[in-house]
Amino acid sequence: MSCGRPMIQSVLHCTSCQQRPLPLNQIRAAVVFGEPVDHLIHLMKYEGYFALAEPLAGLMVEAWPRWQTPVDLVLPIPLNARRERERGYNQSELLVRQLDRQTGWATAPTALRRRRHTRPQVGLDADERRHILHDAFVAEREAVAGQHILLVDDVCTTGATLVAAAEVLLAAGAASVSGYCLARATLD
């Protein structure tokens, strides 16, 4: 399955993937979003407990062998500059740094950037998320062309952020793009 949504039955493509094929090879997550990981992510993301990135990335490294894909370059999903200044860090970049330490994967934290501010996506449905993320990213062609890219984010809910970033990376010449998140939220 492309989107990586937790399913009761094993299927090649869920209904959503059949209706709207993803530009990503796949989206995968180390764990399902829920206790205690959701609390730890909240602490890391909003409360400044950035040291949690090391054990949380460890969960990602431990789960990786189940769905390996070719990786030349690992990129964090960028925050817009204003949000990163307010928070003081990008939680996805913290995870990428730890993944680099634990796996040796090559990274280029500035190869993908947010070109404009987008409102937080909490509480938005998939269509609203896609709309606000349209044209939100820009990629450095020199850094991504010909590369098999692994996009890293903390949480995947609808996949809209990963899709928007993947479209820009592919347009800049990336050979392929896959998404890997710490946690995958289930949709009710």
N, C-alpha and C. Protein backbone atom coordinates (compact mmCIF):
# COMPACT_ATOMS: atom_id res chain seq x y z
N MET A 1 0.84 -1.17 0.00
CA MET A 1 0.00 0.00 0.00
C MET A 1 0.88 1.23 0.00
N SER A 2 0.55 2.20 -0.79
CA SER A 2 1.36 3.40 -0.94
C SER A 2 1.30 4.33 0.26
N CYS A 3 0.11 4.59 0.79
CA CYS A 3 -0.06 5.63 1.80
C CYS A 3 0.36 5.19 3.20
N GLY A 4 0.46 3.89 3.44
CA GLY A 4 0.90 3.42 4.75
C GLY A 4 -0.15 3.48 5.84
N ARG A 5 -1.40 3.72 5.49
CA ARG A 5 -2.45 3.73 6.51
C ARG A 5 -2.58 2.35 7.13
N PRO A 6 -2.74 2.29 8.44
CA PRO A 6 -2.98 0.98 9.07
C PRO A 6 -4.30 0.39 8.55
N MET A 7 -4.25 -0.84 8.11
CA MET A 7 -5.43 -1.50 7.55
C MET A 7 -5.68 -2.82 8.27
N ILE A 8 -6.93 -3.20 8.34
CA ILE A 8 -7.29 -4.48 8.95
C ILE A 8 -6.86 -5.62 8.03
N GLN A 9 -7.10 -5.48 6.73
CA GLN A 9 -6.72 -6.48 5.74
C GLN A 9 -5.55 -5.96 4.93
N SER A 10 -4.71 -6.86 4.50
CA SER A 10 -3.58 -6.49 3.65
C SER A 10 -4.09 -6.32 2.22
N VAL A 11 -3.91 -5.11 1.68
CA VAL A 11 -4.30 -4.81 0.31
C VAL A 11 -3.16 -4.07 -0.37
N LEU A 12 -3.09 -4.18 -1.68
CA LEU A 12 -2.04 -3.50 -2.42
C LEU A 12 -2.24 -1.99 -2.39
N HIS A 13 -3.47 -1.52 -2.65
CA HIS A 13 -3.80 -0.09 -2.63
C HIS A 13 -5.15 0.09 -1.95
N CYS A 14 -5.20 0.98 -0.96
CA CYS A 14 -6.46 1.28 -0.30
C CYS A 14 -7.34 2.09 -1.25
N THR A 15 -8.58 2.30 -0.88
CA THR A 15 -9.52 3.05 -1.72
C THR A 15 -9.00 4.45 -2.01
N SER A 16 -8.43 5.10 -1.00
CA SER A 16 -7.91 6.45 -1.19
C SER A 16 -6.77 6.47 -2.21
N CYS A 17 -5.84 5.51 -2.13
CA CYS A 17 -4.72 5.45 -3.08
C CYS A 17 -5.21 5.13 -4.50
N GLN A 18 -6.27 4.33 -4.60
CA GLN A 18 -6.82 4.02 -5.91
C GLN A 18 -7.45 5.26 -6.54
N GLN A 19 -8.13 6.08 -5.73
CA GLN A 19 -8.80 7.27 -6.24
C GLN A 19 -7.82 8.41 -6.54
N ARG A 20 -6.77 8.54 -5.72
CA ARG A 20 -5.81 9.63 -5.88
C ARG A 20 -4.42 9.06 -5.67
N PRO A 21 -3.81 8.52 -6.74
CA PRO A 21 -2.46 7.95 -6.61
C PRO A 21 -1.46 8.98 -6.07
N LEU A 22 -0.57 8.51 -5.22
CA LEU A 22 0.42 9.39 -4.60
C LEU A 22 1.64 9.59 -5.50
N PRO A 23 2.27 10.76 -5.43
CA PRO A 23 3.51 10.96 -6.15
C PRO A 23 4.69 10.31 -5.44
N LEU A 24 4.47 9.84 -4.23
CA LEU A 24 5.52 9.17 -3.46
C LEU A 24 5.51 7.68 -3.76
N ASN A 25 6.69 7.06 -3.68
CA ASN A 25 6.74 5.61 -3.81
C ASN A 25 5.94 4.96 -2.69
N GLN A 26 6.12 5.49 -1.49
CA GLN A 26 5.42 4.95 -0.33
C GLN A 26 5.51 5.95 0.82
N ILE A 27 4.58 5.82 1.76
CA ILE A 27 4.65 6.52 3.04
C ILE A 27 4.64 5.43 4.10
N ARG A 28 5.58 5.51 5.01
CA ARG A 28 5.64 4.53 6.08
C ARG A 28 5.88 5.25 7.40
N ALA A 29 5.56 4.58 8.50
CA ALA A 29 5.78 5.13 9.83
C ALA A 29 6.28 4.03 10.75
N ALA A 30 7.05 4.45 11.73
CA ALA A 30 7.60 3.49 12.69
C ALA A 30 6.52 2.93 13.61
N VAL A 31 5.59 3.80 14.04
CA VAL A 31 4.55 3.39 14.99
C VAL A 31 3.23 4.06 14.62
N VAL A 32 2.15 3.55 15.19
CA VAL A 32 0.85 4.18 15.07
C VAL A 32 0.76 5.28 16.12
N PHE A 33 0.22 6.43 15.74
CA PHE A 33 0.09 7.57 16.64
C PHE A 33 -0.87 7.22 17.77
N GLY A 34 -0.38 7.25 18.99
CA GLY A 34 -1.17 6.95 20.17
C GLY A 34 -0.25 6.95 21.38
N GLU A 35 -0.83 6.75 22.56
CA GLU A 35 -0.03 6.75 23.79
C GLU A 35 0.98 5.61 23.76
N PRO A 36 2.17 5.85 24.25
CA PRO A 36 2.73 7.06 24.83
C PRO A 36 3.44 7.96 23.81
N VAL A 37 3.55 7.50 22.54
CA VAL A 37 4.32 8.24 21.55
C VAL A 37 3.73 9.61 21.28
N ASP A 38 2.39 9.73 21.24
CA ASP A 38 1.80 11.04 20.96
C ASP A 38 2.20 12.07 22.02
N HIS A 39 2.27 11.64 23.27
CA HIS A 39 2.69 12.55 24.35
C HIS A 39 4.16 12.94 24.18
N LEU A 40 5.00 11.99 23.83
CA LEU A 40 6.43 12.28 23.64
C LEU A 40 6.64 13.23 22.46
N ILE A 41 5.90 13.02 21.38
CA ILE A 41 5.99 13.92 20.23
C ILE A 41 5.56 15.33 20.64
N HIS A 42 4.48 15.43 21.39
CA HIS A 42 4.02 16.75 21.86
C HIS A 42 5.11 17.43 22.69
N LEU A 43 5.74 16.70 23.59
CA LEU A 43 6.81 17.28 24.41
C LEU A 43 7.96 17.77 23.55
N MET A 44 8.36 16.95 22.56
CA MET A 44 9.46 17.33 21.69
C MET A 44 9.08 18.54 20.83
N LYS A 45 7.88 18.52 20.27
CA LYS A 45 7.47 19.51 19.28
C LYS A 45 7.11 20.86 19.91
N TYR A 46 6.40 20.84 21.03
CA TYR A 46 5.86 22.08 21.58
C TYR A 46 6.43 22.50 22.93
N GLU A 47 7.08 21.60 23.63
CA GLU A 47 7.54 21.92 24.97
C GLU A 47 9.06 22.03 25.09
N GLY A 48 9.77 21.89 23.98
CA GLY A 48 11.21 22.08 23.99
C GLY A 48 12.04 20.89 24.46
N TYR A 49 11.43 19.73 24.56
CA TYR A 49 12.17 18.53 24.96
C TYR A 49 12.82 17.90 23.72
N PHE A 50 13.71 18.68 23.08
CA PHE A 50 14.29 18.22 21.83
C PHE A 50 15.22 17.03 22.00
N ALA A 51 15.66 16.74 23.22
CA ALA A 51 16.50 15.56 23.46
C ALA A 51 15.72 14.27 23.21
N LEU A 52 14.39 14.35 23.17
CA LEU A 52 13.59 13.17 22.86
C LEU A 52 13.78 12.70 21.42
N ALA A 53 14.36 13.55 20.58
CA ALA A 53 14.58 13.17 19.18
C ALA A 53 15.45 11.92 19.08
N GLU A 54 16.42 11.76 19.97
CA GLU A 54 17.31 10.60 19.89
C GLU A 54 16.57 9.28 20.08
N PRO A 55 15.82 9.08 21.18
CA PRO A 55 15.11 7.79 21.30
C PRO A 55 13.97 7.63 20.30
N LEU A 56 13.33 8.74 19.92
CA LEU A 56 12.25 8.63 18.94
C LEU A 56 12.80 8.24 17.56
N ALA A 57 13.93 8.81 17.18
CA ALA A 57 14.58 8.40 15.93
C ALA A 57 15.03 6.94 16.03
N GLY A 58 15.40 6.52 17.23
CA GLY A 58 15.76 5.12 17.45
C GLY A 58 14.62 4.18 17.10
N LEU A 59 13.38 4.60 17.40
CA LEU A 59 12.21 3.80 17.00
C LEU A 59 12.12 3.70 15.48
N MET A 60 12.45 4.81 14.81
CA MET A 60 12.41 4.81 13.35
C MET A 60 13.49 3.90 12.77
N VAL A 61 14.67 3.93 13.34
CA VAL A 61 15.76 3.08 12.87
C VAL A 61 15.40 1.61 13.09
N GLU A 62 14.82 1.32 14.24
CA GLU A 62 14.44 -0.07 14.56
C GLU A 62 13.38 -0.60 13.59
N ALA A 63 12.44 0.25 13.19
CA ALA A 63 11.36 -0.18 12.29
C ALA A 63 11.77 -0.19 10.83
N TRP A 64 12.83 0.52 10.46
CA TRP A 64 13.21 0.69 9.06
C TRP A 64 13.38 -0.61 8.28
N PRO A 65 14.00 -1.65 8.80
CA PRO A 65 14.21 -2.85 7.98
C PRO A 65 12.95 -3.46 7.39
N ARG A 66 11.78 -3.15 7.92
CA ARG A 66 10.53 -3.71 7.39
C ARG A 66 10.16 -3.12 6.04
N TRP A 67 10.60 -1.91 5.71
CA TRP A 67 10.19 -1.29 4.44
C TRP A 67 11.28 -0.46 3.81
N GLN A 68 12.41 -1.03 3.73
CA GLN A 68 13.53 -0.33 3.10
C GLN A 68 13.19 0.05 1.66
N THR A 69 13.72 1.16 1.27
CA THR A 69 13.61 1.66 -0.09
C THR A 69 14.95 2.33 -0.39
N PRO A 70 15.34 2.47 -1.63
CA PRO A 70 16.62 3.13 -1.90
C PRO A 70 16.63 4.55 -1.33
N VAL A 71 17.73 4.91 -0.67
CA VAL A 71 17.86 6.24 -0.07
C VAL A 71 19.23 6.81 -0.43
N ASP A 72 19.22 7.93 -1.15
CA ASP A 72 20.45 8.68 -1.42
C ASP A 72 20.55 9.89 -0.51
N LEU A 73 19.39 10.47 -0.18
CA LEU A 73 19.34 11.73 0.54
C LEU A 73 18.11 11.77 1.44
N VAL A 74 18.31 12.18 2.69
CA VAL A 74 17.21 12.28 3.65
C VAL A 74 16.96 13.76 3.94
N LEU A 75 15.70 14.18 3.78
CA LEU A 75 15.33 15.58 3.98
C LEU A 75 14.23 15.70 5.02
N PRO A 76 14.37 16.66 5.93
CA PRO A 76 13.26 16.91 6.87
C PRO A 76 12.19 17.75 6.19
N ILE A 77 10.95 17.57 6.61
CA ILE A 77 9.90 18.49 6.19
C ILE A 77 10.19 19.82 6.88
N PRO A 78 10.35 20.89 6.11
CA PRO A 78 10.72 22.17 6.73
C PRO A 78 9.53 22.88 7.37
N LEU A 79 9.83 23.62 8.41
CA LEU A 79 8.86 24.55 8.98
C LEU A 79 9.02 25.88 8.27
N ASN A 80 8.00 26.71 8.31
CA ASN A 80 8.22 28.06 7.79
C ASN A 80 9.10 28.80 8.78
N ALA A 81 9.79 29.81 8.29
CA ALA A 81 10.79 30.51 9.09
C ALA A 81 10.21 31.10 10.37
N ARG A 82 9.02 31.64 10.29
CA ARG A 82 8.40 32.25 11.48
C ARG A 82 8.14 31.22 12.56
N ARG A 83 7.58 30.07 12.17
CA ARG A 83 7.28 29.03 13.15
C ARG A 83 8.57 28.45 13.75
N GLU A 84 9.60 28.30 12.92
CA GLU A 84 10.87 27.77 13.43
C GLU A 84 11.52 28.76 14.41
N ARG A 85 11.43 30.05 14.12
CA ARG A 85 11.95 31.06 15.05
C ARG A 85 11.20 31.00 16.38
N GLU A 86 9.89 30.90 16.33
CA GLU A 86 9.08 30.83 17.55
C GLU A 86 9.43 29.60 18.38
N ARG A 87 9.54 28.46 17.71
CA ARG A 87 9.81 27.20 18.40
C ARG A 87 11.28 27.05 18.77
N GLY A 88 12.15 27.60 17.91
CA GLY A 88 13.58 27.50 18.16
C GLY A 88 14.24 26.33 17.46
N TYR A 89 13.46 25.47 16.81
CA TYR A 89 13.98 24.29 16.11
C TYR A 89 12.87 23.69 15.28
N ASN A 90 13.27 22.79 14.38
CA ASN A 90 12.33 22.03 13.56
C ASN A 90 12.40 20.59 14.04
N GLN A 91 11.31 20.06 14.55
CA GLN A 91 11.30 18.69 15.10
C GLN A 91 11.67 17.65 14.04
N SER A 92 11.29 17.87 12.80
CA SER A 92 11.65 16.91 11.74
C SER A 92 13.15 16.94 11.47
N GLU A 93 13.74 18.12 11.53
CA GLU A 93 15.19 18.22 11.35
C GLU A 93 15.93 17.54 12.50
N LEU A 94 15.40 17.65 13.72
CA LEU A 94 16.00 16.95 14.86
C LEU A 94 15.99 15.44 14.62
N LEU A 95 14.87 14.92 14.11
CA LEU A 95 14.80 13.49 13.81
C LEU A 95 15.80 13.10 12.73
N VAL A 96 15.91 13.93 11.68
CA VAL A 96 16.85 13.65 10.59
C VAL A 96 18.29 13.63 11.11
N ARG A 97 18.64 14.57 11.97
CA ARG A 97 20.00 14.58 12.53
C ARG A 97 20.29 13.28 13.28
N GLN A 98 19.32 12.82 14.04
CA GLN A 98 19.51 11.57 14.79
C GLN A 98 19.54 10.36 13.85
N LEU A 99 18.70 10.38 12.81
CA LEU A 99 18.74 9.30 11.83
C LEU A 99 20.11 9.25 11.16
N ASP A 100 20.65 10.41 10.83
CA ASP A 100 21.99 10.49 10.23
C ASP A 100 23.02 9.88 11.18
N ARG A 101 22.96 10.26 12.45
CA ARG A 101 23.91 9.70 13.43
C ARG A 101 23.80 8.19 13.55
N GLN A 102 22.56 7.70 13.52
CA GLN A 102 22.33 6.28 13.76
C GLN A 102 22.44 5.42 12.51
N THR A 103 22.33 6.01 11.31
CA THR A 103 22.35 5.21 10.08
C THR A 103 23.45 5.64 9.11
N GLY A 104 23.91 6.88 9.20
CA GLY A 104 24.89 7.39 8.25
C GLY A 104 24.29 7.88 6.95
N TRP A 105 22.95 8.00 6.88
CA TRP A 105 22.32 8.51 5.66
C TRP A 105 22.76 9.95 5.40
N ALA A 106 22.92 10.28 4.15
CA ALA A 106 23.28 11.65 3.76
C ALA A 106 22.07 12.56 3.94
N THR A 107 22.32 13.78 4.39
CA THR A 107 21.24 14.74 4.58
C THR A 107 21.60 16.07 3.91
N ALA A 108 20.57 16.84 3.63
CA ALA A 108 20.74 18.20 3.09
C ALA A 108 19.57 19.02 3.62
N PRO A 109 19.66 19.46 4.87
CA PRO A 109 18.51 20.10 5.53
C PRO A 109 17.93 21.32 4.82
N THR A 110 18.69 21.97 3.96
CA THR A 110 18.16 23.17 3.29
C THR A 110 17.77 22.93 1.83
N ALA A 111 17.83 21.69 1.36
CA ALA A 111 17.49 21.40 -0.03
C ALA A 111 15.99 21.55 -0.32
N LEU A 112 15.18 21.50 0.73
CA LEU A 112 13.74 21.71 0.62
C LEU A 112 13.39 22.79 1.63
N ARG A 113 12.68 23.83 1.17
CA ARG A 113 12.32 24.93 2.06
C ARG A 113 10.85 25.27 1.88
N ARG A 114 10.27 25.84 2.94
CA ARG A 114 8.92 26.41 2.81
C ARG A 114 9.08 27.81 2.27
N ARG A 115 8.36 28.11 1.22
CA ARG A 115 8.46 29.44 0.62
C ARG A 115 7.47 30.42 1.24
N ARG A 116 6.48 29.90 1.95
CA ARG A 116 5.50 30.80 2.58
C ARG A 116 4.93 30.16 3.84
N HIS A 117 4.38 31.02 4.67
CA HIS A 117 3.75 30.58 5.90
C HIS A 117 2.45 29.85 5.58
N THR A 118 2.21 28.75 6.26
CA THR A 118 0.92 28.05 6.16
C THR A 118 0.37 27.90 7.57
N ARG A 119 -0.92 27.96 7.68
CA ARG A 119 -1.53 27.82 9.01
C ARG A 119 -1.38 26.38 9.50
N PRO A 120 -1.42 26.16 10.81
CA PRO A 120 -1.33 24.79 11.33
C PRO A 120 -2.45 23.92 10.76
N GLN A 121 -2.15 22.64 10.57
CA GLN A 121 -3.09 21.74 9.92
C GLN A 121 -3.99 20.97 10.88
N VAL A 122 -3.74 21.10 12.16
CA VAL A 122 -4.53 20.37 13.15
C VAL A 122 -6.00 20.72 12.97
N GLY A 123 -6.83 19.68 12.85
CA GLY A 123 -8.27 19.88 12.71
C GLY A 123 -8.75 20.05 11.28
N LEU A 124 -7.85 20.09 10.31
CA LEU A 124 -8.25 20.25 8.91
C LEU A 124 -8.42 18.90 8.24
N ASP A 125 -9.34 18.80 7.28
CA ASP A 125 -9.49 17.56 6.53
C ASP A 125 -8.47 17.52 5.39
N ALA A 126 -8.44 16.42 4.68
CA ALA A 126 -7.43 16.21 3.64
C ALA A 126 -7.47 17.27 2.55
N ASP A 127 -8.68 17.64 2.10
CA ASP A 127 -8.78 18.65 1.04
C ASP A 127 -8.30 20.01 1.53
N GLU A 128 -8.64 20.39 2.75
CA GLU A 128 -8.18 21.67 3.30
C GLU A 128 -6.66 21.67 3.44
N ARG A 129 -6.09 20.56 3.86
CA ARG A 129 -4.63 20.45 4.00
C ARG A 129 -3.95 20.60 2.64
N ARG A 130 -4.47 19.91 1.63
CA ARG A 130 -3.89 20.01 0.28
C ARG A 130 -3.96 21.45 -0.22
N HIS A 131 -5.09 22.11 0.03
CA HIS A 131 -5.26 23.49 -0.44
C HIS A 131 -4.25 24.44 0.20
N ILE A 132 -4.07 24.38 1.50
CA ILE A 132 -3.16 25.33 2.14
C ILE A 132 -1.69 25.03 1.84
N LEU A 133 -1.40 23.79 1.44
CA LEU A 133 -0.01 23.43 1.15
C LEU A 133 0.37 23.62 -0.32
N HIS A 134 -0.61 23.94 -1.16
CA HIS A 134 -0.31 24.15 -2.58
C HIS A 134 0.75 25.24 -2.73
N ASP A 135 1.83 24.91 -3.42
CA ASP A 135 2.90 25.87 -3.71
C ASP A 135 3.62 26.38 -2.45
N ALA A 136 3.61 25.57 -1.38
CA ALA A 136 4.24 26.00 -0.12
C ALA A 136 5.73 25.70 -0.07
N PHE A 137 6.21 24.79 -0.93
CA PHE A 137 7.60 24.35 -0.86
C PHE A 137 8.39 24.74 -2.09
N VAL A 138 9.70 24.82 -1.95
CA VAL A 138 10.62 25.02 -3.06
C VAL A 138 11.83 24.12 -2.81
N ALA A 139 12.37 23.55 -3.89
CA ALA A 139 13.51 22.63 -3.77
C ALA A 139 14.71 23.16 -4.55
N GLU A 140 15.90 22.84 -4.06
CA GLU A 140 17.15 23.18 -4.75
C GLU A 140 17.46 22.07 -5.75
N ARG A 141 17.27 22.38 -7.02
CA ARG A 141 17.47 21.38 -8.08
C ARG A 141 18.84 20.72 -8.00
N GLU A 142 19.89 21.51 -7.76
CA GLU A 142 21.26 20.97 -7.72
C GLU A 142 21.41 19.90 -6.64
N ALA A 143 20.71 20.04 -5.54
CA ALA A 143 20.85 19.11 -4.42
C ALA A 143 20.00 17.84 -4.60
N VAL A 144 18.88 17.95 -5.32
CA VAL A 144 17.93 16.82 -5.35
C VAL A 144 17.87 16.07 -6.67
N ALA A 145 18.35 16.66 -7.75
CA ALA A 145 18.23 16.02 -9.06
C ALA A 145 18.91 14.66 -9.08
N GLY A 146 18.16 13.67 -9.55
CA GLY A 146 18.68 12.31 -9.67
C GLY A 146 18.74 11.52 -8.36
N GLN A 147 18.32 12.12 -7.27
CA GLN A 147 18.44 11.48 -5.95
C GLN A 147 17.17 10.70 -5.59
N HIS A 148 17.35 9.59 -4.87
CA HIS A 148 16.24 8.86 -4.24
C HIS A 148 16.11 9.47 -2.85
N ILE A 149 15.02 10.19 -2.65
CA ILE A 149 14.86 11.01 -1.45
C ILE A 149 13.90 10.36 -0.47
N LEU A 150 14.29 10.43 0.80
CA LEU A 150 13.43 10.01 1.90
C LEU A 150 13.07 11.26 2.68
N LEU A 151 11.78 11.63 2.64
CA LEU A 151 11.27 12.76 3.41
C LEU A 151 10.91 12.30 4.81
N VAL A 152 11.32 13.05 5.81
CA VAL A 152 11.06 12.66 7.20
C VAL A 152 10.20 13.72 7.88
N ASP A 153 9.17 13.24 8.58
CA ASP A 153 8.31 14.11 9.39
C ASP A 153 7.98 13.38 10.68
N ASP A 154 7.47 14.13 11.66
CA ASP A 154 7.16 13.51 12.94
C ASP A 154 5.85 12.71 12.87
N VAL A 155 4.81 13.30 12.29
CA VAL A 155 3.50 12.65 12.25
C VAL A 155 2.92 12.78 10.85
N CYS A 156 2.31 11.72 10.38
CA CYS A 156 1.57 11.74 9.12
C CYS A 156 0.11 11.48 9.45
N THR A 157 -0.76 12.41 9.04
CA THR A 157 -2.20 12.23 9.24
C THR A 157 -2.84 11.89 7.90
N THR A 158 -2.90 12.85 6.98
CA THR A 158 -3.48 12.59 5.66
C THR A 158 -2.41 12.36 4.60
N GLY A 159 -1.18 12.75 4.89
CA GLY A 159 -0.10 12.66 3.91
C GLY A 159 0.02 13.90 3.03
N ALA A 160 -0.82 14.91 3.26
CA ALA A 160 -0.83 16.10 2.40
C ALA A 160 0.51 16.83 2.39
N THR A 161 1.17 16.94 3.52
CA THR A 161 2.45 17.63 3.58
C THR A 161 3.49 16.87 2.77
N LEU A 162 3.55 15.56 2.96
CA LEU A 162 4.51 14.74 2.22
C LEU A 162 4.24 14.80 0.72
N VAL A 163 2.98 14.77 0.33
CA VAL A 163 2.61 14.84 -1.09
C VAL A 163 3.04 16.18 -1.69
N ALA A 164 2.74 17.28 -1.01
CA ALA A 164 3.10 18.60 -1.52
C ALA A 164 4.62 18.73 -1.68
N ALA A 165 5.36 18.24 -0.70
CA ALA A 165 6.83 18.30 -0.79
C ALA A 165 7.35 17.39 -1.89
N ALA A 166 6.78 16.19 -2.01
CA ALA A 166 7.22 15.24 -3.04
C ALA A 166 7.00 15.79 -4.44
N GLU A 167 5.88 16.45 -4.67
CA GLU A 167 5.61 17.01 -5.99
C GLU A 167 6.68 18.02 -6.38
N VAL A 168 7.09 18.86 -5.44
CA VAL A 168 8.12 19.86 -5.71
C VAL A 168 9.47 19.19 -5.96
N LEU A 169 9.79 18.18 -5.17
CA LEU A 169 11.07 17.47 -5.34
C LEU A 169 11.14 16.74 -6.67
N LEU A 170 10.05 16.11 -7.06
CA LEU A 170 10.02 15.41 -8.35
C LEU A 170 10.11 16.40 -9.51
N ALA A 171 9.45 17.54 -9.38
CA ALA A 171 9.54 18.58 -10.42
C ALA A 171 10.96 19.12 -10.53
N ALA A 172 11.72 19.07 -9.43
CA ALA A 172 13.11 19.53 -9.43
C ALA A 172 14.07 18.44 -9.89
N GLY A 173 13.55 17.28 -10.27
CA GLY A 173 14.40 16.24 -10.84
C GLY A 173 14.75 15.08 -9.94
N ALA A 174 14.14 14.97 -8.76
CA ALA A 174 14.41 13.82 -7.89
C ALA A 174 14.03 12.53 -8.63
N ALA A 175 14.83 11.48 -8.45
CA ALA A 175 14.54 10.19 -9.10
C ALA A 175 13.32 9.54 -8.48
N SER A 176 13.18 9.64 -7.16
CA SER A 176 12.01 9.10 -6.45
C SER A 176 11.93 9.77 -5.09
N VAL A 177 10.74 9.71 -4.51
CA VAL A 177 10.52 10.26 -3.17
C VAL A 177 9.65 9.29 -2.39
N SER A 178 10.08 8.99 -1.17
CA SER A 178 9.30 8.21 -0.22
C SER A 178 9.18 9.03 1.06
N GLY A 179 8.16 8.75 1.85
CA GLY A 179 7.98 9.44 3.11
C GLY A 179 8.16 8.48 4.27
N TYR A 180 8.80 8.94 5.33
CA TYR A 180 8.98 8.13 6.53
C TYR A 180 8.72 9.00 7.74
N CYS A 181 7.75 8.61 8.54
CA CYS A 181 7.35 9.39 9.71
C CYS A 181 7.52 8.56 10.97
N LEU A 182 7.70 9.26 12.05
CA LEU A 182 7.76 8.59 13.33
C LEU A 182 6.44 7.90 13.61
N ALA A 183 5.32 8.61 13.44
CA ALA A 183 4.01 8.05 13.78
C ALA A 183 3.01 8.33 12.69
N ARG A 184 2.11 7.39 12.50
CA ARG A 184 1.03 7.51 11.51
C ARG A 184 -0.28 7.59 12.26
N ALA A 185 -1.01 8.67 12.07
CA ALA A 185 -2.32 8.82 12.69
C ALA A 185 -3.33 7.98 11.92
N THR A 186 -4.29 7.42 12.64
CA THR A 186 -5.37 6.70 11.98
C THR A 186 -6.49 7.67 11.73
N LEU A 187 -7.17 7.52 10.62
CA LEU A 187 -8.29 8.39 10.28
C LEU A 187 -9.57 7.68 10.66
N ASP A 188 -10.41 8.40 11.38
CA ASP A 188 -11.70 7.81 11.81
C ASP A 188 -12.75 7.95 10.73
